[in-house]
Amino acid sequence: MSPKDREEFQRLAPSARVVSVAGAGHAIQSDQPRALARLLDEFLSADN
Protein backbone atom coordinates (compact mmCIF):
# COMPACT_ATOMS: atom_id res chain seq x y z
CA MET A 1 0.00 0.00 0.00
CA SER A 2 1.44 3.33 -0.97
CA PRO A 3 1.87 5.99 1.73
CA LYS A 4 -0.81 8.11 0.03
CA ASP A 5 -3.27 5.17 -0.03
CA ARG A 6 -2.47 4.32 3.59
CA GLU A 7 -3.18 7.91 4.63
CA GLU A 8 -6.53 7.89 2.80
CA PHE A 9 -7.44 4.49 4.25
CA GLN A 10 -6.71 5.68 7.78
CA ARG A 11 -8.74 8.83 7.17
CA LEU A 12 -11.74 6.77 6.03
CA ALA A 13 -11.40 4.08 8.70
CA PRO A 14 -9.54 5.61 11.65
CA SER A 15 -9.87 2.57 13.90
CA ALA A 16 -8.61 0.17 11.21
CA ARG A 17 -5.22 -1.48 11.40
CA VAL A 18 -3.14 -2.05 8.28
CA VAL A 19 -0.93 -5.14 8.39
CA SER A 20 1.73 -6.14 5.88
CA VAL A 21 2.60 -9.84 5.65
CA ALA A 22 6.02 -10.72 4.25
CA GLY A 23 5.84 -13.13 1.33
CA ALA A 24 2.17 -12.44 0.67
CA GLY A 25 0.93 -10.89 -2.51
CA HIS A 26 -2.59 -10.13 -3.60
CA ALA A 27 -3.82 -13.60 -2.53
CA ILE A 28 -2.72 -13.81 1.11
CA GLN A 29 -4.98 -16.83 1.65
CA SER A 30 -2.82 -18.80 -0.80
CA ASP A 31 0.56 -17.16 -0.19
CA GLN A 32 0.59 -17.10 3.63
CA PRO A 33 -2.42 -19.05 4.95
CA ARG A 34 -1.02 -19.51 8.47
CA ALA A 35 -0.26 -15.81 8.84
CA LEU A 36 -3.77 -14.98 7.65
CA ALA A 37 -5.30 -17.46 10.10
CA ARG A 38 -3.28 -15.92 12.96
CA LEU A 39 -4.34 -12.39 12.00
CA LEU A 40 -7.99 -13.38 11.69
CA ASP A 41 -7.84 -15.15 15.04
CA GLU A 42 -6.37 -12.01 16.65
CA PHE A 43 -9.03 -9.85 15.02
CA LEU A 44 -11.94 -12.09 15.98
CA SER A 45 -10.66 -12.47 19.55
CA ALA A 46 -10.18 -8.74 20.11
CA ASP A 47 -12.58 -6.54 22.01
CA ASN A 48 -13.83 -4.43 19.09
PDB file of N, CA and C in Angstrom:
ATOM      1  N   MET A   1       0.854  -1.155   0.000  1.00  0.00           N
ATOM      2  CA  MET A   1       0.000   0.000   0.000  1.00  0.00           C
ATOM      3  C   MET A   1       0.910   1.231   0.000  1.00  0.00           C
ATOM      4  N   SER A   2       0.628   2.119  -0.886  1.00  0.00           N
ATOM      5  CA  SER A   2       1.438   3.334  -0.967  1.00  0.00           C
ATOM      6  C   SER A   2       1.159   4.221   0.249  1.00  0.00           C
ATOM      7  N   PRO A   3       2.112   5.075   0.603  1.00  0.00           N
ATOM      8  CA  PRO A   3       1.870   5.987   1.730  1.00  0.00           C
ATOM      9  C   PRO A   3       0.620   6.846   1.531  1.00  0.00           C
ATOM     10  N   LYS A   4       0.373   7.291   0.310  1.00  0.00           N
ATOM     11  CA  LYS A   4      -0.812   8.106   0.025  1.00  0.00           C
ATOM     12  C   LYS A   4      -2.094   7.286   0.260  1.00  0.00           C
ATOM     13  N   ASP A   5      -2.104   6.037  -0.227  1.00  0.00           N
ATOM     14  CA  ASP A   5      -3.270   5.170  -0.032  1.00  0.00           C
ATOM     15  C   ASP A   5      -3.475   4.849   1.446  1.00  0.00           C
ATOM     16  N   ARG A   6      -2.376   4.623   2.160  1.00  0.00           N
ATOM     17  CA  ARG A   6      -2.467   4.322   3.594  1.00  0.00           C
ATOM     18  C   ARG A   6      -3.078   5.505   4.339  1.00  0.00           C
ATOM     19  N   GLU A   7      -2.648   6.698   4.002  1.00  0.00           N
ATOM     20  CA  GLU A   7      -3.179   7.907   4.633  1.00  0.00           C
ATOM     21  C   GLU A   7      -4.683   8.035   4.378  1.00  0.00           C
ATOM     22  N   GLU A   8      -5.104   7.803   3.150  1.00  0.00           N
ATOM     23  CA  GLU A   8      -6.526   7.889   2.804  1.00  0.00           C
ATOM     24  C   GLU A   8      -7.324   6.799   3.523  1.00  0.00           C
ATOM     25  N   PHE A   9      -6.781   5.604   3.564  1.00  0.00           N
ATOM     26  CA  PHE A   9      -7.444   4.492   4.246  1.00  0.00           C
ATOM     27  C   PHE A   9      -7.642   4.822   5.721  1.00  0.00           C
ATOM     28  N   GLN A  10      -6.604   5.346   6.359  1.00  0.00           N
ATOM     29  CA  GLN A  10      -6.713   5.682   7.776  1.00  0.00           C
ATOM     30  C   GLN A  10      -7.677   6.845   8.011  1.00  0.00           C
ATOM     31  N   ARG A  11      -7.778   7.736   7.051  1.00  0.00           N
ATOM     32  CA  ARG A  11      -8.745   8.832   7.166  1.00  0.00           C
ATOM     33  C   ARG A  11     -10.177   8.285   7.106  1.00  0.00           C
ATOM     34  N   LEU A  12     -10.413   7.332   6.212  1.00  0.00           N
ATOM     35  CA  LEU A  12     -11.745   6.771   6.027  1.00  0.00           C
ATOM     36  C   LEU A  12     -12.131   5.773   7.118  1.00  0.00           C
ATOM     37  N   ALA A  13     -11.142   5.086   7.668  1.00  0.00           N
ATOM     38  CA  ALA A  13     -11.400   4.081   8.703  1.00  0.00           C
ATOM     39  C   ALA A  13     -10.378   4.258   9.824  1.00  0.00           C
ATOM     40  N   PRO A  14     -10.557   5.276  10.664  1.00  0.00           N
ATOM     41  CA  PRO A  14      -9.536   5.611  11.650  1.00  0.00           C
ATOM     42  C   PRO A  14      -9.224   4.522  12.676  1.00  0.00           C
ATOM     43  N   SER A  15     -10.143   3.629  12.930  1.00  0.00           N
ATOM     44  CA  SER A  15      -9.869   2.565  13.903  1.00  0.00           C
ATOM     45  C   SER A  15      -9.308   1.301  13.247  1.00  0.00           C
ATOM     46  N   ALA A  16      -9.133   1.337  11.937  1.00  0.00           N
ATOM     47  CA  ALA A  16      -8.609   0.171  11.215  1.00  0.00           C
ATOM     48  C   ALA A  16      -7.119   0.019  11.462  1.00  0.00           C
ATOM     49  N   ARG A  17      -6.644  -1.183  11.279  1.00  0.00           N
ATOM     50  CA  ARG A  17      -5.220  -1.481  11.404  1.00  0.00           C
ATOM     51  C   ARG A  17      -4.753  -2.087  10.092  1.00  0.00           C
ATOM     52  N   VAL A  18      -3.710  -1.529   9.520  1.00  0.00           N
ATOM     53  CA  VAL A  18      -3.143  -2.048   8.275  1.00  0.00           C
ATOM     54  C   VAL A  18      -1.971  -2.950   8.635  1.00  0.00           C
ATOM     55  N   VAL A  19      -1.969  -4.172   8.094  1.00  0.00           N
ATOM     56  CA  VAL A  19      -0.925  -5.140   8.394  1.00  0.00           C
ATOM     57  C   VAL A  19      -0.303  -5.609   7.083  1.00  0.00           C
ATOM     58  N   SER A  20       1.013  -5.596   7.030  1.00  0.00           N
ATOM     59  CA  SER A  20       1.732  -6.145   5.880  1.00  0.00           C
ATOM     60  C   SER A  20       2.275  -7.510   6.276  1.00  0.00           C
ATOM     61  N   VAL A  21       2.119  -8.494   5.388  1.00  0.00           N
ATOM     62  CA  VAL A  21       2.596  -9.842   5.655  1.00  0.00           C
ATOM     63  C   VAL A  21       3.684 -10.161   4.640  1.00  0.00           C
ATOM     64  N   ALA A  22       4.894 -10.398   5.125  1.00  0.00           N
ATOM     65  CA  ALA A  22       6.022 -10.724   4.248  1.00  0.00           C
ATOM     66  C   ALA A  22       5.719 -11.991   3.450  1.00  0.00           C
ATOM     67  N   GLY A  23       6.029 -11.959   2.186  1.00  0.00           N
ATOM     68  CA  GLY A  23       5.844 -13.128   1.334  1.00  0.00           C
ATOM     69  C   GLY A  23       4.434 -13.298   0.810  1.00  0.00           C
ATOM     70  N   ALA A  24       3.556 -12.366   1.140  1.00  0.00           N
ATOM     71  CA  ALA A  24       2.169 -12.443   0.675  1.00  0.00           C
ATOM     72  C   ALA A  24       1.949 -11.396  -0.405  1.00  0.00           C
ATOM     73  N   GLY A  25       1.295 -11.816  -1.456  1.00  0.00           N
ATOM     74  CA  GLY A  25       0.931 -10.887  -2.508  1.00  0.00           C
ATOM     75  C   GLY A  25      -0.544 -10.555  -2.405  1.00  0.00           C
ATOM     76  N   HIS A  26      -1.180 -10.504  -3.546  1.00  0.00           N
ATOM     77  CA  HIS A  26      -2.591 -10.131  -3.597  1.00  0.00           C
ATOM     78  C   HIS A  26      -3.505 -11.234  -3.053  1.00  0.00           C
ATOM     79  N   ALA A  27      -3.000 -12.466  -3.003  1.00  0.00           N
ATOM     80  CA  ALA A  27      -3.818 -13.596  -2.530  1.00  0.00           C
ATOM     81  C   ALA A  27      -3.203 -14.154  -1.248  1.00  0.00           C
ATOM     82  N   ILE A  28      -3.328 -13.402  -0.164  1.00  0.00           N
ATOM     83  CA  ILE A  28      -2.720 -13.813   1.106  1.00  0.00           C
ATOM     84  C   ILE A  28      -3.197 -15.194   1.544  1.00  0.00           C
ATOM     85  N   GLN A  29      -4.446 -15.527   1.239  1.00  0.00           N
ATOM     86  CA  GLN A  29      -4.981 -16.829   1.646  1.00  0.00           C
ATOM     87  C   GLN A  29      -4.219 -17.986   1.010  1.00  0.00           C
ATOM     88  N   SER A  30      -3.620 -17.769  -0.146  1.00  0.00           N
ATOM     89  CA  SER A  30      -2.816 -18.805  -0.798  1.00  0.00           C
ATOM     90  C   SER A  30      -1.341 -18.659  -0.464  1.00  0.00           C
ATOM     91  N   ASP A  31      -0.869 -17.421  -0.388  1.00  0.00           N
ATOM     92  CA  ASP A  31       0.555 -17.158  -0.192  1.00  0.00           C
ATOM     93  C   ASP A  31       1.017 -17.404   1.244  1.00  0.00           C
ATOM     94  N   GLN A  32       0.219 -16.996   2.211  1.00  0.00           N
ATOM     95  CA  GLN A  32       0.587 -17.105   3.629  1.00  0.00           C
ATOM     96  C   GLN A  32      -0.633 -17.483   4.466  1.00  0.00           C
ATOM     97  N   PRO A  33      -1.175 -18.684   4.255  1.00  0.00           N
ATOM     98  CA  PRO A  33      -2.418 -19.052   4.949  1.00  0.00           C
ATOM     99  C   PRO A  33      -2.297 -19.068   6.474  1.00  0.00           C
ATOM    100  N   ARG A  34      -1.162 -19.475   6.997  1.00  0.00           N
ATOM    101  CA  ARG A  34      -1.017 -19.512   8.466  1.00  0.00           C
ATOM    102  C   ARG A  34      -0.979 -18.106   9.050  1.00  0.00           C
ATOM    103  N   ALA A  35      -0.302 -17.204   8.369  1.00  0.00           N
ATOM    104  CA  ALA A  35      -0.260 -15.814   8.836  1.00  0.00           C
ATOM    105  C   ALA A  35      -1.658 -15.208   8.800  1.00  0.00           C
ATOM    106  N   LEU A  36      -2.401 -15.490   7.745  1.00  0.00           N
ATOM    107  CA  LEU A  36      -3.773 -14.979   7.649  1.00  0.00           C
ATOM    108  C   LEU A  36      -4.634 -15.551   8.771  1.00  0.00           C
ATOM    109  N   ALA A  37      -4.508 -16.835   9.029  1.00  0.00           N
ATOM    110  CA  ALA A  37      -5.295 -17.455  10.104  1.00  0.00           C
ATOM    111  C   ALA A  37      -4.959 -16.822  11.448  1.00  0.00           C
ATOM    112  N   ARG A  38      -3.696 -16.550  11.704  1.00  0.00           N
ATOM    113  CA  ARG A  38      -3.281 -15.922  12.961  1.00  0.00           C
ATOM    114  C   ARG A  38      -3.870 -14.518  13.074  1.00  0.00           C
ATOM    115  N   LEU A  39      -3.797 -13.745  11.984  1.00  0.00           N
ATOM    116  CA  LEU A  39      -4.337 -12.390  11.996  1.00  0.00           C
ATOM    117  C   LEU A  39      -5.848 -12.379  12.189  1.00  0.00           C
ATOM    118  N   LEU A  40      -6.531 -13.302  11.530  1.00  0.00           N
ATOM    119  CA  LEU A  40      -7.985 -13.383  11.685  1.00  0.00           C
ATOM    120  C   LEU A  40      -8.356 -13.791  13.095  1.00  0.00           C
ATOM    121  N   ASP A  41      -7.590 -14.728  13.670  1.00  0.00           N
ATOM    122  CA  ASP A  41      -7.843 -15.149  15.044  1.00  0.00           C
ATOM    123  C   ASP A  41      -7.663 -13.968  15.997  1.00  0.00           C
ATOM    124  N   GLU A  42      -6.598 -13.183  15.813  1.00  0.00           N
ATOM    125  CA  GLU A  42      -6.370 -12.006  16.651  1.00  0.00           C
ATOM    126  C   GLU A  42      -7.522 -11.016  16.514  1.00  0.00           C
ATOM    127  N   PHE A  43      -7.957 -10.789  15.275  1.00  0.00           N
ATOM    128  CA  PHE A  43      -9.035  -9.845  15.022  1.00  0.00           C
ATOM    129  C   PHE A  43     -10.342 -10.309  15.659  1.00  0.00           C
ATOM    130  N   LEU A  44     -10.676 -11.560  15.464  1.00  0.00           N
ATOM    131  CA  LEU A  44     -11.940 -12.088  15.981  1.00  0.00           C
ATOM    132  C   LEU A  44     -11.940 -12.227  17.500  1.00  0.00           C
ATOM    133  N   SER A  45     -10.766 -12.335  18.105  1.00  0.00           N
ATOM    134  CA  SER A  45     -10.660 -12.473  19.551  1.00  0.00           C
ATOM    135  C   SER A  45     -10.584 -11.122  20.265  1.00  0.00           C
ATOM    136  N   ALA A  46     -10.361 -10.062  19.506  1.00  0.00           N
ATOM    137  CA  ALA A  46     -10.185  -8.735  20.106  1.00  0.00           C
ATOM    138  C   ALA A  46     -11.513  -8.172  20.578  1.00  0.00           C
ATOM    139  N   ASP A  47     -11.419  -7.283  21.531  1.00  0.00           N
ATOM    140  CA  ASP A  47     -12.582  -6.538  22.011  1.00  0.00           C
ATOM    141  C   ASP A  47     -12.804  -5.344  21.091  1.00  0.00           C
ATOM    142  N   ASN A  48     -13.597  -5.517  20.072  1.00  0.00           N
ATOM    143  CA  ASN A  48     -13.825  -4.433  19.094  1.00  0.00           C
ATOM    144  C   ASN A  48     -15.058  -3.661  19.424  1.00  0.00           C
TER     145      ASN A  48
END
